[in-house]
């Protein structure tokens, strides 16, 4: 990852500090900004995966990297959290027109974060950095969604911070069947659950009988 904000002018740092303070005070929906007081150019945020998408419920850490020509030139965006998405390279680099040819110097950090969030809702396979994800999205959406959900369950829930992750999210991330559909429609998951329940019941019943026999012997 191209991970440092180099040669940023004091004027830009003041502007970024102002924007970050505003975002901290009035956070955007599903976007949590992380302020690094030791380095105000260390711009990171956690975006919650939008409902109705393969990323739903995930906590995705993103990083914005400012160049020396910012805001005349666009910043670079990266997903720190691993994600299966057509517009995100394997190293986390984000490809979106707003951070390239459509950039305007009037845009700020808040706008960039909103664009990244929207990218989770409306992927653009026409400018894919991940060719596999782009091809699946166009030709086999169900396979794309299944893979994206699996990656979300593994990386965007299991590694979420304690402050961001709910108890239910942590339990789901630790569940080895989390890769299967959450609605229980997977027959393999049902079979495993039923088998496990039967074994558990048999063991519990055996323990009760052993305890009863022991009491009778006393």
N, C-alpha and C. Protein backbone atom coordinates (compact mmCIF):
# COMPACT_ATOMS: atom_id res chain seq x y z
N UNK A 1 0.84 -1.21 0.00
CA UNK A 1 0.00 0.00 0.00
C UNK A 1 0.86 1.25 0.00
N UNK A 2 0.45 2.22 -0.78
CA UNK A 2 1.16 3.50 -0.83
C UNK A 2 0.71 4.29 0.39
N UNK A 3 1.39 4.08 1.53
CA UNK A 3 0.76 4.40 2.80
C UNK A 3 1.10 5.67 3.50
N UNK A 4 1.79 6.65 2.90
CA UNK A 4 2.13 7.85 3.65
C UNK A 4 1.61 9.10 2.95
N UNK A 5 1.30 10.12 3.73
CA UNK A 5 0.89 11.42 3.20
C UNK A 5 2.12 12.33 3.23
N UNK A 6 2.84 12.39 2.11
CA UNK A 6 4.13 13.08 2.10
C UNK A 6 4.02 14.53 1.61
N UNK A 7 4.84 15.39 2.20
CA UNK A 7 5.01 16.77 1.73
C UNK A 7 3.70 17.55 1.64
N UNK A 8 2.82 17.32 2.58
CA UNK A 8 1.55 18.06 2.61
C UNK A 8 1.80 19.40 3.27
N UNK A 9 1.33 20.47 2.65
CA UNK A 9 1.60 21.82 3.15
C UNK A 9 0.84 22.09 4.45
N UNK A 10 1.35 23.00 5.29
CA UNK A 10 0.67 23.35 6.54
C UNK A 10 -0.77 23.83 6.31
N UNK A 11 -0.99 24.54 5.21
CA UNK A 11 -2.33 25.03 4.89
C UNK A 11 -3.30 23.87 4.67
N UNK A 12 -2.84 22.86 3.95
CA UNK A 12 -3.68 21.68 3.70
C UNK A 12 -3.93 20.92 5.00
N UNK A 13 -2.91 20.83 5.84
CA UNK A 13 -3.07 20.13 7.13
C UNK A 13 -4.13 20.82 7.97
N UNK A 14 -4.12 22.15 7.97
CA UNK A 14 -5.15 22.89 8.73
C UNK A 14 -6.54 22.62 8.17
N UNK A 15 -6.64 22.56 6.84
CA UNK A 15 -7.92 22.29 6.20
C UNK A 15 -8.41 20.88 6.52
N UNK A 16 -7.48 19.93 6.48
CA UNK A 16 -7.83 18.54 6.79
C UNK A 16 -8.27 18.41 8.25
N UNK A 17 -7.55 19.09 9.16
CA UNK A 17 -7.90 19.06 10.57
C UNK A 17 -9.31 19.60 10.79
N UNK A 18 -9.65 20.65 10.07
CA UNK A 18 -10.99 21.24 10.18
C UNK A 18 -12.05 20.25 9.69
N UNK A 19 -11.78 19.63 8.54
CA UNK A 19 -12.73 18.65 7.98
C UNK A 19 -12.90 17.45 8.90
N UNK A 20 -11.79 16.95 9.42
CA UNK A 20 -11.84 15.78 10.29
C UNK A 20 -12.60 16.09 11.58
N UNK A 21 -12.37 17.30 12.12
CA UNK A 21 -13.09 17.71 13.32
C UNK A 21 -14.58 17.77 13.08
N UNK A 22 -14.97 18.26 11.91
CA UNK A 22 -16.39 18.33 11.56
C UNK A 22 -16.99 16.94 11.42
N UNK A 23 -16.24 16.02 10.80
CA UNK A 23 -16.71 14.65 10.63
C UNK A 23 -16.82 13.92 11.97
N UNK A 24 -15.91 14.24 12.89
CA UNK A 24 -15.97 13.62 14.22
C UNK A 24 -17.19 14.13 14.98
N UNK A 25 -17.48 15.43 14.82
CA UNK A 25 -18.61 16.03 15.52
C UNK A 25 -19.96 15.65 14.94
N UNK A 26 -20.01 15.54 13.62
CA UNK A 26 -21.26 15.18 12.93
C UNK A 26 -20.97 14.04 11.95
N UNK A 27 -20.80 12.83 12.47
CA UNK A 27 -20.42 11.71 11.61
C UNK A 27 -21.49 11.38 10.58
N UNK A 28 -21.05 11.00 9.40
CA UNK A 28 -21.97 10.57 8.35
C UNK A 28 -22.48 9.18 8.67
N UNK A 29 -23.64 8.85 8.15
CA UNK A 29 -24.24 7.55 8.43
C UNK A 29 -23.34 6.42 7.93
N UNK A 30 -23.08 5.46 8.82
CA UNK A 30 -22.28 4.27 8.52
C UNK A 30 -20.81 4.58 8.24
N UNK A 31 -20.35 5.77 8.59
CA UNK A 31 -18.94 6.12 8.41
C UNK A 31 -18.39 6.64 9.74
N UNK A 32 -17.40 5.96 10.28
CA UNK A 32 -16.79 6.37 11.54
C UNK A 32 -15.34 6.78 11.27
N UNK A 33 -15.04 8.05 11.53
CA UNK A 33 -13.70 8.58 11.27
C UNK A 33 -12.81 8.35 12.48
N UNK A 34 -11.54 8.01 12.23
CA UNK A 34 -10.57 7.78 13.30
C UNK A 34 -9.52 8.89 13.25
N UNK A 35 -9.50 9.70 14.27
CA UNK A 35 -8.57 10.84 14.32
C UNK A 35 -7.24 10.41 14.93
N UNK A 36 -6.16 10.70 14.24
CA UNK A 36 -4.81 10.46 14.74
C UNK A 36 -4.22 11.83 15.09
N UNK A 37 -4.27 12.19 16.35
CA UNK A 37 -3.81 13.52 16.77
C UNK A 37 -2.32 13.72 16.57
N UNK A 38 -1.57 12.63 16.54
CA UNK A 38 -0.13 12.73 16.33
C UNK A 38 0.21 13.00 14.87
N UNK A 39 -0.70 12.63 13.96
CA UNK A 39 -0.48 12.85 12.53
C UNK A 39 -1.83 13.07 11.87
N UNK A 40 -2.19 14.32 11.69
CA UNK A 40 -3.51 14.66 11.16
C UNK A 40 -3.68 14.24 9.70
N UNK A 41 -2.59 13.93 9.03
CA UNK A 41 -2.71 13.46 7.65
C UNK A 41 -2.91 11.95 7.57
N UNK A 42 -2.92 11.30 8.73
CA UNK A 42 -3.23 9.86 8.77
C UNK A 42 -4.75 9.74 8.79
N UNK A 43 -5.35 9.73 7.62
CA UNK A 43 -6.81 9.80 7.49
C UNK A 43 -7.37 8.40 7.30
N UNK A 44 -8.06 7.91 8.32
CA UNK A 44 -8.66 6.58 8.26
C UNK A 44 -10.09 6.62 8.76
N UNK A 45 -10.88 5.69 8.28
CA UNK A 45 -12.28 5.61 8.70
C UNK A 45 -12.75 4.17 8.57
N UNK A 46 -13.83 3.85 9.27
CA UNK A 46 -14.46 2.54 9.16
C UNK A 46 -15.83 2.73 8.53
N UNK A 47 -16.06 2.03 7.43
CA UNK A 47 -17.34 2.11 6.73
C UNK A 47 -18.11 0.81 6.96
N UNK A 48 -19.34 0.93 7.42
CA UNK A 48 -20.19 -0.24 7.62
C UNK A 48 -20.82 -0.63 6.30
N UNK A 49 -20.72 -1.90 5.95
CA UNK A 49 -21.27 -2.38 4.69
C UNK A 49 -22.76 -2.12 4.59
N UNK A 50 -23.23 -1.49 3.51
CA UNK A 50 -24.64 -1.13 3.37
C UNK A 50 -25.56 -2.36 3.31
N UNK A 51 -26.75 -2.21 3.87
CA UNK A 51 -27.74 -3.28 3.86
C UNK A 51 -28.14 -3.62 2.43
N UNK A 52 -28.42 -4.89 2.20
CA UNK A 52 -28.84 -5.32 0.87
C UNK A 52 -27.71 -5.56 -0.10
N UNK A 53 -26.47 -5.47 0.38
CA UNK A 53 -25.29 -5.72 -0.47
C UNK A 53 -24.53 -6.92 0.09
N UNK A 54 -23.63 -7.50 -0.70
CA UNK A 54 -22.81 -8.61 -0.17
C UNK A 54 -21.89 -8.19 0.98
N UNK A 55 -21.79 -6.88 1.21
CA UNK A 55 -20.90 -6.36 2.25
C UNK A 55 -21.66 -5.98 3.52
N UNK A 56 -22.94 -6.29 3.56
CA UNK A 56 -23.81 -5.91 4.68
C UNK A 56 -23.25 -6.38 6.01
N UNK A 57 -23.19 -5.48 6.98
CA UNK A 57 -22.74 -5.82 8.33
C UNK A 57 -21.24 -5.83 8.52
N UNK A 58 -20.48 -5.74 7.43
CA UNK A 58 -19.02 -5.74 7.57
C UNK A 58 -18.51 -4.38 8.02
N UNK A 59 -17.35 -4.38 8.64
CA UNK A 59 -16.69 -3.15 9.07
C UNK A 59 -15.40 -3.01 8.25
N UNK A 60 -15.40 -2.09 7.32
CA UNK A 60 -14.29 -1.95 6.38
C UNK A 60 -13.44 -0.72 6.71
N UNK A 61 -12.20 -0.96 7.05
CA UNK A 61 -11.27 0.14 7.35
C UNK A 61 -10.70 0.67 6.03
N UNK A 62 -10.77 1.98 5.85
CA UNK A 62 -10.22 2.60 4.64
C UNK A 62 -9.23 3.69 5.02
N UNK A 63 -8.33 3.99 4.09
CA UNK A 63 -7.30 5.00 4.34
C UNK A 63 -7.23 5.93 3.13
N UNK A 64 -7.15 7.23 3.41
CA UNK A 64 -7.02 8.23 2.37
C UNK A 64 -5.60 8.80 2.42
N UNK A 65 -4.92 8.76 1.29
CA UNK A 65 -3.54 9.24 1.22
C UNK A 65 -3.48 10.51 0.37
N UNK A 66 -3.00 11.59 0.97
CA UNK A 66 -2.91 12.88 0.27
C UNK A 66 -1.54 13.04 -0.38
N UNK A 67 -1.54 13.52 -1.61
CA UNK A 67 -0.28 13.80 -2.29
C UNK A 67 0.15 15.24 -2.05
N UNK A 68 1.35 15.60 -2.49
CA UNK A 68 1.86 16.95 -2.24
C UNK A 68 1.07 18.01 -3.01
N UNK A 69 0.33 17.60 -4.07
CA UNK A 69 -0.44 18.56 -4.86
C UNK A 69 -1.90 18.65 -4.43
N UNK A 70 -2.26 17.93 -3.37
CA UNK A 70 -3.64 18.00 -2.87
C UNK A 70 -3.92 19.42 -2.36
N UNK A 71 -5.09 20.01 -2.62
CA UNK A 71 -6.28 19.41 -3.24
C UNK A 71 -6.39 19.60 -4.76
N UNK A 72 -5.35 20.16 -5.39
CA UNK A 72 -5.41 20.30 -6.85
C UNK A 72 -5.44 18.93 -7.51
N UNK A 73 -4.71 17.99 -6.94
CA UNK A 73 -4.70 16.61 -7.43
C UNK A 73 -5.47 15.73 -6.45
N UNK A 74 -6.12 14.69 -6.94
CA UNK A 74 -6.92 13.84 -6.06
C UNK A 74 -6.08 13.02 -5.09
N UNK A 75 -6.63 12.68 -3.95
CA UNK A 75 -5.94 11.77 -3.04
C UNK A 75 -6.06 10.34 -3.56
N UNK A 76 -5.40 9.42 -2.90
CA UNK A 76 -5.53 8.00 -3.23
C UNK A 76 -6.31 7.33 -2.10
N UNK A 77 -7.12 6.36 -2.48
CA UNK A 77 -7.90 5.64 -1.48
C UNK A 77 -7.52 4.18 -1.43
N UNK A 78 -7.51 3.62 -0.23
CA UNK A 78 -7.17 2.21 -0.04
C UNK A 78 -8.13 1.56 0.95
N UNK A 79 -8.46 0.31 0.69
CA UNK A 79 -9.13 -0.51 1.69
C UNK A 79 -8.05 -1.20 2.50
N UNK A 80 -8.03 -0.95 3.79
CA UNK A 80 -7.10 -1.66 4.67
C UNK A 80 -7.65 -3.06 4.95
N UNK A 81 -8.97 -3.15 5.09
CA UNK A 81 -9.64 -4.44 5.27
C UNK A 81 -9.76 -5.13 3.91
N UNK A 82 -9.43 -6.41 3.87
CA UNK A 82 -9.54 -7.16 2.62
C UNK A 82 -10.99 -7.23 2.16
N UNK A 83 -11.19 -7.09 0.85
CA UNK A 83 -12.54 -7.06 0.30
C UNK A 83 -12.52 -7.62 -1.12
N UNK A 84 -13.58 -8.30 -1.52
CA UNK A 84 -13.72 -8.81 -2.88
C UNK A 84 -14.64 -7.87 -3.62
N UNK A 85 -14.05 -7.01 -4.44
CA UNK A 85 -14.80 -5.95 -5.10
C UNK A 85 -14.12 -5.63 -6.43
N UNK A 86 -14.91 -5.42 -7.51
CA UNK A 86 -14.31 -5.16 -8.82
C UNK A 86 -13.37 -3.96 -8.85
N UNK A 87 -13.66 -2.93 -8.05
CA UNK A 87 -12.90 -1.69 -8.12
C UNK A 87 -11.84 -1.56 -7.03
N UNK A 88 -11.51 -2.70 -6.40
CA UNK A 88 -10.48 -2.69 -5.36
C UNK A 88 -9.43 -3.74 -5.70
N UNK A 89 -8.18 -3.30 -5.85
CA UNK A 89 -7.09 -4.21 -6.19
C UNK A 89 -6.73 -5.06 -4.98
N UNK A 90 -5.92 -6.07 -5.21
CA UNK A 90 -5.53 -6.97 -4.12
C UNK A 90 -4.71 -6.25 -3.06
N UNK A 91 -4.04 -5.15 -3.44
CA UNK A 91 -3.29 -4.38 -2.44
C UNK A 91 -4.16 -3.33 -1.75
N UNK A 92 -5.48 -3.34 -2.07
CA UNK A 92 -6.41 -2.42 -1.42
C UNK A 92 -6.67 -1.13 -2.18
N UNK A 93 -5.90 -0.86 -3.24
CA UNK A 93 -6.08 0.38 -4.00
C UNK A 93 -7.47 0.46 -4.61
N UNK A 94 -8.07 1.66 -4.55
CA UNK A 94 -9.43 1.87 -5.03
C UNK A 94 -9.40 2.59 -6.38
N UNK A 95 -10.19 2.08 -7.32
CA UNK A 95 -10.31 2.72 -8.63
C UNK A 95 -11.72 3.28 -8.77
N UNK A 96 -11.84 4.60 -8.76
CA UNK A 96 -13.13 5.26 -8.94
C UNK A 96 -12.87 6.60 -9.61
N UNK A 97 -13.73 6.99 -10.54
CA UNK A 97 -13.50 8.19 -11.33
C UNK A 97 -13.34 9.45 -10.49
N UNK A 98 -14.04 9.50 -9.34
CA UNK A 98 -13.95 10.68 -8.48
C UNK A 98 -12.52 10.92 -8.00
N UNK A 99 -11.76 9.84 -7.85
CA UNK A 99 -10.37 9.96 -7.41
C UNK A 99 -9.41 10.02 -8.59
N UNK A 100 -9.98 10.23 -9.79
CA UNK A 100 -9.14 10.34 -10.99
C UNK A 100 -9.62 11.51 -11.84
N UNK A 101 -10.19 11.20 -13.01
CA UNK A 101 -10.52 12.25 -13.98
C UNK A 101 -11.65 13.17 -13.53
N UNK A 102 -12.53 12.69 -12.64
CA UNK A 102 -13.67 13.52 -12.21
C UNK A 102 -13.39 14.31 -10.93
N UNK A 103 -12.15 14.29 -10.49
CA UNK A 103 -11.80 14.99 -9.24
C UNK A 103 -11.92 16.51 -9.39
N UNK A 104 -12.44 17.15 -8.34
CA UNK A 104 -12.48 18.61 -8.26
C UNK A 104 -11.86 19.02 -6.93
N UNK A 105 -11.09 20.09 -6.95
CA UNK A 105 -10.39 20.48 -5.73
C UNK A 105 -11.34 20.92 -4.63
N UNK A 106 -12.60 21.20 -5.00
CA UNK A 106 -13.58 21.58 -3.98
C UNK A 106 -14.03 20.38 -3.14
N UNK A 107 -13.82 19.19 -3.66
CA UNK A 107 -14.20 17.99 -2.91
C UNK A 107 -13.33 17.89 -1.66
N UNK A 108 -13.90 17.34 -0.62
CA UNK A 108 -13.14 17.16 0.61
C UNK A 108 -13.13 15.70 1.03
N UNK A 109 -12.63 15.47 2.23
CA UNK A 109 -12.52 14.11 2.77
C UNK A 109 -13.89 13.46 2.91
N UNK A 110 -14.87 14.23 3.37
CA UNK A 110 -16.21 13.69 3.56
C UNK A 110 -16.78 13.17 2.24
N UNK A 111 -16.56 13.92 1.17
CA UNK A 111 -17.07 13.51 -0.14
C UNK A 111 -16.39 12.22 -0.60
N UNK A 112 -15.10 12.14 -0.39
CA UNK A 112 -14.34 10.94 -0.79
C UNK A 112 -14.87 9.71 -0.06
N UNK A 113 -15.10 9.84 1.24
CA UNK A 113 -15.60 8.71 2.03
C UNK A 113 -17.00 8.29 1.58
N UNK A 114 -17.83 9.27 1.22
CA UNK A 114 -19.17 8.96 0.73
C UNK A 114 -19.09 8.22 -0.61
N UNK A 115 -18.18 8.62 -1.45
CA UNK A 115 -18.00 7.96 -2.75
C UNK A 115 -17.57 6.50 -2.55
N UNK A 116 -16.66 6.28 -1.61
CA UNK A 116 -16.21 4.91 -1.33
C UNK A 116 -17.36 4.07 -0.80
N UNK A 117 -18.17 4.66 0.07
CA UNK A 117 -19.34 3.94 0.59
C UNK A 117 -20.29 3.58 -0.56
N UNK A 118 -20.54 4.52 -1.46
CA UNK A 118 -21.43 4.27 -2.60
C UNK A 118 -20.88 3.19 -3.52
N UNK A 119 -19.56 3.07 -3.55
CA UNK A 119 -18.94 2.05 -4.38
C UNK A 119 -19.30 0.65 -3.89
N UNK A 120 -19.60 0.52 -2.61
CA UNK A 120 -20.02 -0.77 -2.07
C UNK A 120 -21.44 -1.13 -2.53
N UNK A 121 -22.22 -0.11 -2.86
CA UNK A 121 -23.60 -0.32 -3.33
C UNK A 121 -23.63 -0.48 -4.84
N UNK A 122 -22.82 0.32 -5.55
CA UNK A 122 -22.83 0.31 -7.01
C UNK A 122 -21.41 0.08 -7.55
N UNK A 123 -20.96 -1.17 -7.56
CA UNK A 123 -19.64 -1.47 -8.15
C UNK A 123 -19.65 -1.15 -9.65
N UNK A 124 -18.48 -0.83 -10.18
CA UNK A 124 -18.38 -0.50 -11.60
C UNK A 124 -17.42 -1.46 -12.29
N UNK A 125 -17.94 -2.55 -12.86
CA UNK A 125 -17.07 -3.55 -13.50
C UNK A 125 -16.34 -3.02 -14.73
N UNK A 126 -16.78 -1.88 -15.27
CA UNK A 126 -16.15 -1.31 -16.46
C UNK A 126 -14.73 -0.83 -16.17
N UNK A 127 -14.45 -0.49 -14.91
CA UNK A 127 -13.10 -0.04 -14.54
C UNK A 127 -12.56 -0.93 -13.43
N UNK A 128 -12.62 -2.23 -13.68
CA UNK A 128 -12.24 -3.21 -12.65
C UNK A 128 -10.73 -3.29 -12.45
N UNK A 129 -10.32 -3.27 -11.19
CA UNK A 129 -8.94 -3.56 -10.82
C UNK A 129 -8.81 -5.04 -10.47
N UNK A 130 -9.91 -5.62 -10.00
CA UNK A 130 -9.97 -7.05 -9.71
C UNK A 130 -10.79 -7.69 -10.84
N UNK A 131 -10.10 -8.25 -11.82
CA UNK A 131 -10.77 -8.78 -13.01
C UNK A 131 -11.70 -9.94 -12.69
N UNK A 132 -11.31 -10.77 -11.74
CA UNK A 132 -12.16 -11.90 -11.35
C UNK A 132 -13.49 -11.41 -10.81
N UNK A 133 -13.43 -10.44 -9.91
CA UNK A 133 -14.65 -9.89 -9.32
C UNK A 133 -15.51 -9.20 -10.38
N UNK A 134 -14.86 -8.46 -11.30
CA UNK A 134 -15.61 -7.78 -12.34
C UNK A 134 -16.30 -8.74 -13.28
N UNK A 135 -15.63 -9.83 -13.65
CA UNK A 135 -16.21 -10.82 -14.55
C UNK A 135 -17.38 -11.54 -13.89
N UNK A 136 -17.21 -11.93 -12.62
CA UNK A 136 -18.29 -12.62 -11.91
C UNK A 136 -19.50 -11.70 -11.74
N UNK A 137 -19.25 -10.43 -11.45
CA UNK A 137 -20.35 -9.48 -11.27
C UNK A 137 -21.20 -9.39 -12.54
N UNK A 138 -20.55 -9.41 -13.69
CA UNK A 138 -21.27 -9.28 -14.95
C UNK A 138 -21.92 -10.58 -15.40
N UNK A 139 -21.22 -11.70 -15.18
CA UNK A 139 -21.67 -12.96 -15.78
C UNK A 139 -22.35 -13.93 -14.80
N UNK A 140 -21.92 -13.92 -13.54
CA UNK A 140 -22.47 -14.86 -12.55
C UNK A 140 -22.62 -14.14 -11.21
N UNK A 141 -23.65 -13.31 -11.13
CA UNK A 141 -23.79 -12.45 -9.95
C UNK A 141 -23.88 -13.26 -8.65
N UNK A 142 -24.62 -14.38 -8.68
CA UNK A 142 -24.78 -15.17 -7.46
C UNK A 142 -23.43 -15.66 -6.94
N UNK A 143 -22.55 -16.07 -7.84
CA UNK A 143 -21.21 -16.50 -7.42
C UNK A 143 -20.40 -15.32 -6.89
N UNK A 144 -20.56 -14.17 -7.54
CA UNK A 144 -19.87 -12.96 -7.06
C UNK A 144 -20.33 -12.61 -5.63
N UNK A 145 -21.66 -12.59 -5.44
CA UNK A 145 -22.21 -12.23 -4.13
C UNK A 145 -21.79 -13.22 -3.06
N UNK A 146 -21.75 -14.50 -3.42
CA UNK A 146 -21.35 -15.53 -2.45
C UNK A 146 -19.90 -15.34 -2.02
N UNK A 147 -19.03 -15.06 -2.97
CA UNK A 147 -17.61 -14.86 -2.67
C UNK A 147 -17.42 -13.58 -1.85
N UNK A 148 -18.11 -12.52 -2.24
CA UNK A 148 -18.00 -11.25 -1.52
C UNK A 148 -18.49 -11.38 -0.08
N UNK A 149 -19.59 -12.12 0.12
CA UNK A 149 -20.12 -12.34 1.47
C UNK A 149 -19.14 -13.15 2.30
N UNK A 150 -18.53 -14.16 1.67
CA UNK A 150 -17.56 -14.98 2.39
C UNK A 150 -16.38 -14.14 2.86
N UNK A 151 -15.85 -13.29 1.96
CA UNK A 151 -14.73 -12.43 2.32
C UNK A 151 -15.12 -11.44 3.41
N UNK A 152 -16.34 -10.94 3.34
CA UNK A 152 -16.83 -10.02 4.37
C UNK A 152 -16.88 -10.72 5.72
N UNK A 153 -17.39 -11.95 5.73
CA UNK A 153 -17.49 -12.70 6.98
C UNK A 153 -16.13 -13.01 7.59
N UNK A 154 -15.15 -13.29 6.74
CA UNK A 154 -13.81 -13.65 7.23
C UNK A 154 -13.02 -12.43 7.69
N UNK A 155 -13.01 -11.38 6.87
CA UNK A 155 -12.12 -10.25 7.12
C UNK A 155 -12.78 -9.01 7.74
N UNK A 156 -14.03 -8.74 7.39
CA UNK A 156 -14.66 -7.50 7.84
C UNK A 156 -15.45 -7.68 9.12
N UNK A 157 -15.54 -8.90 9.62
CA UNK A 157 -16.21 -9.12 10.90
C UNK A 157 -15.24 -9.64 11.93
N UNK A 158 -14.45 -10.65 11.57
CA UNK A 158 -13.53 -11.26 12.53
C UNK A 158 -12.49 -10.28 13.03
N UNK A 159 -12.10 -9.31 12.17
CA UNK A 159 -11.04 -8.37 12.55
C UNK A 159 -11.58 -7.00 12.95
N UNK A 160 -12.89 -6.89 13.10
CA UNK A 160 -13.45 -5.61 13.53
C UNK A 160 -13.03 -5.33 14.96
N UNK A 161 -12.88 -4.05 15.30
CA UNK A 161 -12.47 -3.69 16.65
C UNK A 161 -13.60 -3.97 17.62
N UNK A 162 -13.26 -4.13 18.90
CA UNK A 162 -14.27 -4.41 19.91
C UNK A 162 -15.29 -3.29 19.99
N UNK A 163 -14.86 -2.07 19.72
CA UNK A 163 -15.77 -0.93 19.79
C UNK A 163 -16.77 -0.94 18.64
N UNK A 164 -16.34 -1.44 17.48
CA UNK A 164 -17.19 -1.42 16.30
C UNK A 164 -18.03 -2.68 16.15
N UNK A 165 -17.50 -3.82 16.62
CA UNK A 165 -18.15 -5.10 16.38
C UNK A 165 -19.16 -5.42 17.47
N UNK A 166 -20.31 -5.91 17.11
CA UNK A 166 -21.32 -6.33 18.08
C UNK A 166 -21.02 -7.75 18.50
N UNK A 167 -21.64 -8.19 19.61
CA UNK A 167 -21.44 -9.55 20.08
C UNK A 167 -21.92 -10.55 19.04
N UNK A 168 -23.01 -10.24 18.38
CA UNK A 168 -23.53 -11.13 17.35
C UNK A 168 -22.58 -11.23 16.18
N UNK A 169 -21.97 -10.11 15.82
CA UNK A 169 -21.02 -10.11 14.70
C UNK A 169 -19.81 -10.95 15.02
N UNK A 170 -19.31 -10.85 16.27
CA UNK A 170 -18.16 -11.64 16.68
C UNK A 170 -18.49 -13.12 16.66
N UNK A 171 -19.68 -13.48 17.13
CA UNK A 171 -20.09 -14.88 17.16
C UNK A 171 -20.18 -15.43 15.75
N UNK A 172 -20.72 -14.63 14.84
CA UNK A 172 -20.86 -15.08 13.46
C UNK A 172 -19.50 -15.28 12.82
N UNK A 173 -18.55 -14.37 13.15
CA UNK A 173 -17.23 -14.47 12.55
C UNK A 173 -16.51 -15.73 13.04
N UNK A 174 -16.77 -16.12 14.29
CA UNK A 174 -16.11 -17.29 14.86
C UNK A 174 -16.77 -18.59 14.43
N UNK A 175 -17.98 -18.53 13.87
CA UNK A 175 -18.74 -19.71 13.47
C UNK A 175 -18.15 -20.29 12.19
N UNK A 176 -17.69 -21.55 12.21
CA UNK A 176 -17.08 -22.14 11.02
C UNK A 176 -18.06 -22.32 9.88
N UNK A 177 -19.36 -22.20 10.12
CA UNK A 177 -20.35 -22.31 9.05
C UNK A 177 -20.74 -20.94 8.51
N UNK A 178 -19.99 -19.90 8.92
CA UNK A 178 -20.34 -18.53 8.53
C UNK A 178 -20.28 -18.31 7.02
N UNK A 179 -19.54 -19.16 6.32
CA UNK A 179 -19.43 -18.99 4.88
C UNK A 179 -20.71 -19.41 4.17
N UNK A 180 -21.57 -20.17 4.86
CA UNK A 180 -22.80 -20.63 4.25
C UNK A 180 -23.89 -19.61 4.48
N UNK A 181 -25.02 -19.68 3.73
CA UNK A 181 -26.10 -18.71 3.88
C UNK A 181 -26.59 -18.59 5.30
N UNK A 182 -26.77 -17.34 5.77
CA UNK A 182 -27.17 -17.09 7.16
C UNK A 182 -28.61 -17.49 7.42
N UNK A 183 -29.43 -17.64 6.35
CA UNK A 183 -30.84 -17.94 6.57
C UNK A 183 -31.10 -19.42 6.82
N UNK A 184 -30.03 -20.23 6.84
CA UNK A 184 -30.19 -21.64 7.14
C UNK A 184 -30.66 -22.46 5.96
N UNK A 185 -30.67 -21.87 4.75
CA UNK A 185 -31.17 -22.57 3.58
C UNK A 185 -30.19 -23.62 3.07
N UNK A 186 -28.95 -23.55 3.48
CA UNK A 186 -27.95 -24.49 3.03
C UNK A 186 -28.22 -25.85 3.68
N UNK A 187 -28.51 -26.90 2.90
CA UNK A 187 -28.82 -28.21 3.47
C UNK A 187 -27.67 -28.82 4.23
N UNK A 188 -26.42 -28.50 3.80
CA UNK A 188 -25.26 -29.02 4.52
C UNK A 188 -25.20 -28.44 5.91
N UNK A 189 -25.44 -27.11 6.02
CA UNK A 189 -25.44 -26.46 7.34
C UNK A 189 -26.52 -27.05 8.23
N UNK A 190 -27.72 -27.33 7.66
CA UNK A 190 -28.81 -27.92 8.44
C UNK A 190 -28.42 -29.30 8.96
N UNK A 191 -27.79 -30.07 8.07
CA UNK A 191 -27.40 -31.42 8.44
C UNK A 191 -26.39 -31.42 9.57
N UNK A 192 -25.40 -30.51 9.45
CA UNK A 192 -24.38 -30.40 10.49
C UNK A 192 -25.01 -30.00 11.82
N UNK A 193 -25.93 -29.03 11.77
CA UNK A 193 -26.59 -28.55 12.99
C UNK A 193 -27.42 -29.66 13.64
N UNK A 194 -28.19 -30.39 12.80
CA UNK A 194 -29.04 -31.46 13.33
C UNK A 194 -28.21 -32.57 13.94
N UNK A 195 -27.12 -32.93 13.26
CA UNK A 195 -26.25 -33.98 13.75
C UNK A 195 -25.59 -33.58 15.05
N UNK A 196 -25.13 -32.33 15.10
CA UNK A 196 -24.49 -31.84 16.32
C UNK A 196 -25.46 -31.80 17.48
N UNK A 197 -26.71 -31.39 17.20
CA UNK A 197 -27.72 -31.32 18.26
C UNK A 197 -28.05 -32.68 18.80
N UNK A 198 -28.13 -33.68 17.90
CA UNK A 198 -28.46 -35.03 18.34
C UNK A 198 -27.36 -35.59 19.22
N UNK A 199 -26.11 -35.38 18.80
CA UNK A 199 -24.99 -35.85 19.61
C UNK A 199 -24.95 -35.16 20.95
N UNK A 200 -25.18 -33.85 20.92
CA UNK A 200 -25.15 -33.09 22.18
C UNK A 200 -26.21 -33.59 23.13
N UNK A 201 -27.44 -33.89 22.60
CA UNK A 201 -28.53 -34.36 23.45
C UNK A 201 -28.22 -35.71 24.03
N UNK A 202 -27.60 -36.61 23.22
CA UNK A 202 -27.28 -37.95 23.68
C UNK A 202 -26.26 -37.90 24.81
N UNK A 203 -25.25 -37.04 24.66
CA UNK A 203 -24.22 -36.91 25.70
C UNK A 203 -24.82 -36.36 26.99
N UNK A 204 -25.69 -35.36 26.83
CA UNK A 204 -26.31 -34.76 28.02
C UNK A 204 -27.15 -35.78 28.75
N UNK A 205 -27.91 -36.61 27.98
CA UNK A 205 -28.76 -37.62 28.60
C UNK A 205 -27.93 -38.66 29.32
N UNK A 206 -26.80 -39.07 28.72
CA UNK A 206 -25.93 -40.07 29.33
C UNK A 206 -25.35 -39.57 30.63
N UNK A 207 -24.97 -38.28 30.66
CA UNK A 207 -24.41 -37.71 31.89
C UNK A 207 -25.42 -37.71 33.02
N UNK A 208 -26.69 -37.40 32.69
CA UNK A 208 -27.74 -37.39 33.71
C UNK A 208 -27.95 -38.78 34.29
N UNK A 209 -27.95 -39.83 33.42
CA UNK A 209 -28.15 -41.21 33.88
C UNK A 209 -27.01 -41.65 34.78
N UNK A 210 -25.76 -41.32 34.39
CA UNK A 210 -24.59 -41.68 35.20
C UNK A 210 -24.67 -41.02 36.57
N UNK A 211 -25.12 -39.77 36.59
CA UNK A 211 -25.22 -39.04 37.85
C UNK A 211 -26.28 -39.68 38.75
N UNK A 212 -27.40 -40.13 38.13
CA UNK A 212 -28.49 -40.75 38.90
C UNK A 212 -28.02 -42.06 39.52
N UNK A 213 -27.27 -42.88 38.71
CA UNK A 213 -26.76 -44.14 39.23
C UNK A 213 -25.80 -43.92 40.38
N UNK A 214 -24.96 -42.89 40.24
CA UNK A 214 -23.99 -42.60 41.31
C UNK A 214 -24.70 -42.22 42.61
N UNK A 215 -25.77 -41.45 42.51
CA UNK A 215 -26.52 -41.06 43.69
C UNK A 215 -27.20 -42.24 44.36
N UNK A 216 -27.67 -43.20 43.55
CA UNK A 216 -28.33 -44.38 44.10
C UNK A 216 -27.34 -45.27 44.86
N UNK A 217 -26.09 -45.26 44.42
CA UNK A 217 -25.06 -46.08 45.09
C UNK A 217 -24.67 -45.50 46.43
N UNK A 218 -24.90 -44.20 46.65
CA UNK A 218 -24.48 -43.56 47.91
C UNK A 218 -25.39 -43.93 49.06
